[in-house]
Every structure is written in structure tokens, then in C-alpha cells.
Amino acid sequence: GRRNAPPRPWLGLYATEVENRLVIVGLADRGPAKQADLRTGDIVLSVAGKEVHDLAGLFRRIWAHGQAGVEIPLAIYRDGETLQLRIKSGERSKFLKGPSLH
């Protein structure tokens, strides 16, 4: 089933918690994060200037920006540099393959 509310923003990134850090371990094909050049191994430092240290905090911060389609500002750490990115979120169901009806 689906929520009876506007769709939440979705970035298409898969992360895990490693030593109090959020490390990107995968990206959805054609997803917003991949289009914004996020990469596996990137470390998510903050969402809209607020630090995140766990998956629940990451999702809460992303969802707090409104519904799907909003831009999500992220600070990530990659190769010794901190990068500031703005990712236009999408609606998860529009990116993922639907069921086969035949």
C-alpha cells in the first residue's frame, strides 16, 4: 500500500552506519543521487547544515524538507574534501520498476 499523504522526497542512495558515520554503499540506477554524482564511499556529513550520524536521522532530515521534488542540500566528505551538493529529490515509485502485469 501507499501512504495517504504526498510522497516523501527520495534520493536513491543506500547508506550504512560505520563508526558513527553514514557511508554511501549503493546508488539506485537513474536515481537523483546518482544523477548528482554521489558515489559509493562518500560520507554524508549533514543535511541542510544539520549533522547526521545515523540512518534514522538522515531520513528524518530529508523528509523534513517537504514532499518529493524538493532540493535537498547535503554536505559529503570525499577524498579529503568536503563537498556541498543540492540534490533534486524524486518520488520513489517513479524510479523503481513496477510489477509486471502480464
C-alpha atoms as a PDB file:
ATOM      1  CA  GLY A   1       0.000   0.000   0.000  1.00  0.00           C
ATOM      2  CA  ARG A   2       0.890   3.645  -0.192  1.00  0.00           C
ATOM      3  CA  ARG A   3       0.741   6.438   2.328  1.00  0.00           C
ATOM      4  CA  ASN A   4      -2.365   8.582   2.258  1.00  0.00           C
ATOM      5  CA  ALA A   5      -0.171  11.691   2.041  1.00  0.00           C
ATOM      6  CA  PRO A   6       2.072  13.378  -0.514  1.00  0.00           C
ATOM      7  CA  PRO A   7       5.110  11.258  -1.399  1.00  0.00           C
ATOM      8  CA  ARG A   8       8.240  11.843   0.647  1.00  0.00           C
ATOM      9  CA  PRO A   9      11.439  13.026  -1.036  1.00  0.00           C
ATOM     10  CA  TRP A  10      13.632  10.150  -2.221  1.00  0.00           C
ATOM     11  CA  LEU A  11      17.299  10.391  -3.240  1.00  0.00           C
ATOM     12  CA  GLY A  12      18.037   6.839  -4.331  1.00  0.00           C
ATOM     13  CA  LEU A  13      21.001   6.296  -2.079  1.00  0.00           C
ATOM     14  CA  TYR A  14      21.734   3.353   0.176  1.00  0.00           C
ATOM     15  CA  ALA A  15      23.836   4.036   3.250  1.00  0.00           C
ATOM     16  CA  THR A  16      25.092   2.222   6.301  1.00  0.00           C
ATOM     17  CA  GLU A  17      26.384   3.366   9.674  1.00  0.00           C
ATOM     18  CA  VAL A  18      30.120   2.836  10.185  1.00  0.00           C
ATOM     19  CA  GLU A  19      31.776   4.197  13.346  1.00  0.00           C
ATOM     20  CA  ASN A  20      29.235   6.997  13.865  1.00  0.00           C
ATOM     21  CA  ARG A  21      29.337   7.978  10.172  1.00  0.00           C
ATOM     22  CA  LEU A  22      26.974   7.418   7.270  1.00  0.00           C
ATOM     23  CA  VAL A  23      28.719   5.837   4.312  1.00  0.00           C
ATOM     24  CA  ILE A  24      27.022   5.524   0.920  1.00  0.00           C
ATOM     25  CA  VAL A  25      27.186   1.868  -0.103  1.00  0.00           C
ATOM     26  CA  GLY A  26      24.964   1.962  -3.189  1.00  0.00           C
ATOM     27  CA  LEU A  27      23.003   4.134  -5.583  1.00  0.00           C
ATOM     28  CA  ALA A  28      19.783   3.435  -7.464  1.00  0.00           C
ATOM     29  CA  ASP A  29      20.192   3.413 -11.233  1.00  0.00           C
ATOM     30  CA  ARG A  30      18.860   6.684 -12.697  1.00  0.00           C
ATOM     31  CA  GLY A  31      18.128   7.919  -9.149  1.00  0.00           C
ATOM     32  CA  PRO A  32      18.606  11.532  -8.062  1.00  0.00           C
ATOM     33  CA  ALA A  33      21.766  10.785  -6.031  1.00  0.00           C
ATOM     34  CA  LYS A  34      23.467   9.102  -8.981  1.00  0.00           C
ATOM     35  CA  GLN A  35      22.493  11.973 -11.294  1.00  0.00           C
ATOM     36  CA  ALA A  36      24.003  14.415  -8.759  1.00  0.00           C
ATOM     37  CA  ASP A  37      27.312  12.467  -8.867  1.00  0.00           C
ATOM     38  CA  LEU A  38      27.183  10.968  -5.386  1.00  0.00           C
ATOM     39  CA  ARG A  39      29.456   7.928  -5.225  1.00  0.00           C
ATOM     40  CA  THR A  40      29.811   4.810  -3.160  1.00  0.00           C
ATOM     41  CA  GLY A  41      32.237   5.506  -0.340  1.00  0.00           C
ATOM     42  CA  ASP A  42      31.078   9.120   0.106  1.00  0.00           C
ATOM     43  CA  ILE A  43      30.392  10.027   3.731  1.00  0.00           C
ATOM     44  CA  VAL A  44      27.254  12.058   4.456  1.00  0.00           C
ATOM     45  CA  LEU A  45      28.114  14.779   6.967  1.00  0.00           C
ATOM     46  CA  SER A  46      24.958  16.871   7.097  1.00  0.00           C
ATOM     47  CA  VAL A  47      21.572  17.630   5.577  1.00  0.00           C
ATOM     48  CA  ALA A  48      20.748  21.342   5.302  1.00  0.00           C
ATOM     49  CA  GLY A  49      23.578  22.192   7.680  1.00  0.00           C
ATOM     50  CA  LYS A  50      22.470  19.772  10.401  1.00  0.00           C
ATOM     51  CA  GLU A  51      24.836  16.897  11.148  1.00  0.00           C
ATOM     52  CA  VAL A  52      23.594  13.336  10.762  1.00  0.00           C
ATOM     53  CA  HIS A  53      25.146  10.279  12.403  1.00  0.00           C
ATOM     54  CA  ASP A  54      22.564   7.567  11.861  1.00  0.00           C
ATOM     55  CA  LEU A  55      20.130   6.391   9.201  1.00  0.00           C
ATOM     56  CA  ALA A  56      17.039   7.467  11.120  1.00  0.00           C
ATOM     57  CA  GLY A  57      18.432  10.990  11.439  1.00  0.00           C
ATOM     58  CA  LEU A  58      19.308  11.090   7.746  1.00  0.00           C
ATOM     59  CA  PHE A  59      15.809  10.153   6.653  1.00  0.00           C
ATOM     60  CA  ARG A  60      14.121  12.466   9.161  1.00  0.00           C
ATOM     61  CA  ARG A  61      16.179  15.417   7.893  1.00  0.00           C
ATOM     62  CA  ILE A  62      15.442  14.598   4.246  1.00  0.00           C
ATOM     63  CA  TRP A  63      11.721  14.111   4.858  1.00  0.00           C
ATOM     64  CA  ALA A  64      11.521  17.354   6.868  1.00  0.00           C
ATOM     65  CA  HIS A  65      12.067  19.321   3.645  1.00  0.00           C
ATOM     66  CA  GLY A  66       8.608  18.566   2.314  1.00  0.00           C
ATOM     67  CA  GLN A  67       7.348  16.326  -0.433  1.00  0.00           C
ATOM     68  CA  ALA A  68       9.063  14.685  -3.391  1.00  0.00           C
ATOM     69  CA  GLY A  69      10.608  17.161  -5.817  1.00  0.00           C
ATOM     70  CA  VAL A  70      12.265  19.471  -3.278  1.00  0.00           C
ATOM     71  CA  GLU A  71      16.005  20.107  -3.353  1.00  0.00           C
ATOM     72  CA  ILE A  72      17.965  18.528  -0.534  1.00  0.00           C
ATOM     73  CA  PRO A  73      21.273  20.199   0.437  1.00  0.00           C
ATOM     74  CA  LEU A  74      23.907  17.669   1.502  1.00  0.00           C
ATOM     75  CA  ALA A  75      27.454  18.021   2.737  1.00  0.00           C
ATOM     76  CA  ILE A  76      29.573  14.996   1.922  1.00  0.00           C
ATOM     77  CA  TYR A  77      33.169  14.048   2.511  1.00  0.00           C
ATOM     78  CA  ARG A  78      35.088  12.520  -0.418  1.00  0.00           C
ATOM     79  CA  ASP A  79      38.818  12.079  -0.978  1.00  0.00           C
ATOM     80  CA  GLY A  80      39.858  14.527   1.734  1.00  0.00           C
ATOM     81  CA  GLU A  81      37.387  17.242   0.672  1.00  0.00           C
ATOM     82  CA  THR A  82      34.017  18.394   1.950  1.00  0.00           C
ATOM     83  CA  LEU A  83      31.583  18.972  -0.906  1.00  0.00           C
ATOM     84  CA  GLN A  84      28.263  20.806  -0.815  1.00  0.00           C
ATOM     85  CA  LEU A  85      25.612  19.324  -3.112  1.00  0.00           C
ATOM     86  CA  ARG A  86      21.976  20.092  -3.844  1.00  0.00           C
ATOM     87  CA  ILE A  87      20.007  17.071  -4.984  1.00  0.00           C
ATOM     88  CA  LYS A  88      16.564  17.387  -6.512  1.00  0.00           C
ATOM     89  CA  SER A  89      14.609  14.626  -4.839  1.00  0.00           C
ATOM     90  CA  GLY A  90      12.183  12.397  -6.657  1.00  0.00           C
ATOM     91  CA  GLU A  91       9.214  10.201  -5.988  1.00  0.00           C
ATOM     92  CA  ARG A  92      10.492   6.695  -5.255  1.00  0.00           C
ATOM     93  CA  SER A  93       7.701   4.883  -7.121  1.00  0.00           C
ATOM     94  CA  LYS A  94       8.518   6.752 -10.359  1.00  0.00           C
ATOM     95  CA  PHE A  95      12.113   5.485 -10.385  1.00  0.00           C
ATOM     96  CA  LEU A  96      11.700   1.879  -9.337  1.00  0.00           C
ATOM     97  CA  LYS A  97      10.419  -0.839 -11.648  1.00  0.00           C
ATOM     98  CA  GLY A  98       6.753  -1.630 -11.173  1.00  0.00           C
ATOM     99  CA  PRO A  99       5.212  -5.088 -11.178  1.00  0.00           C
ATOM    100  CA  SER A 100       4.808  -6.972 -14.448  1.00  0.00           C
ATOM    101  CA  LEU A 101       1.120  -7.167 -15.320  1.00  0.00           C
ATOM    102  CA  HIS A 102       1.350  -9.941 -17.922  1.00  0.00           C
END
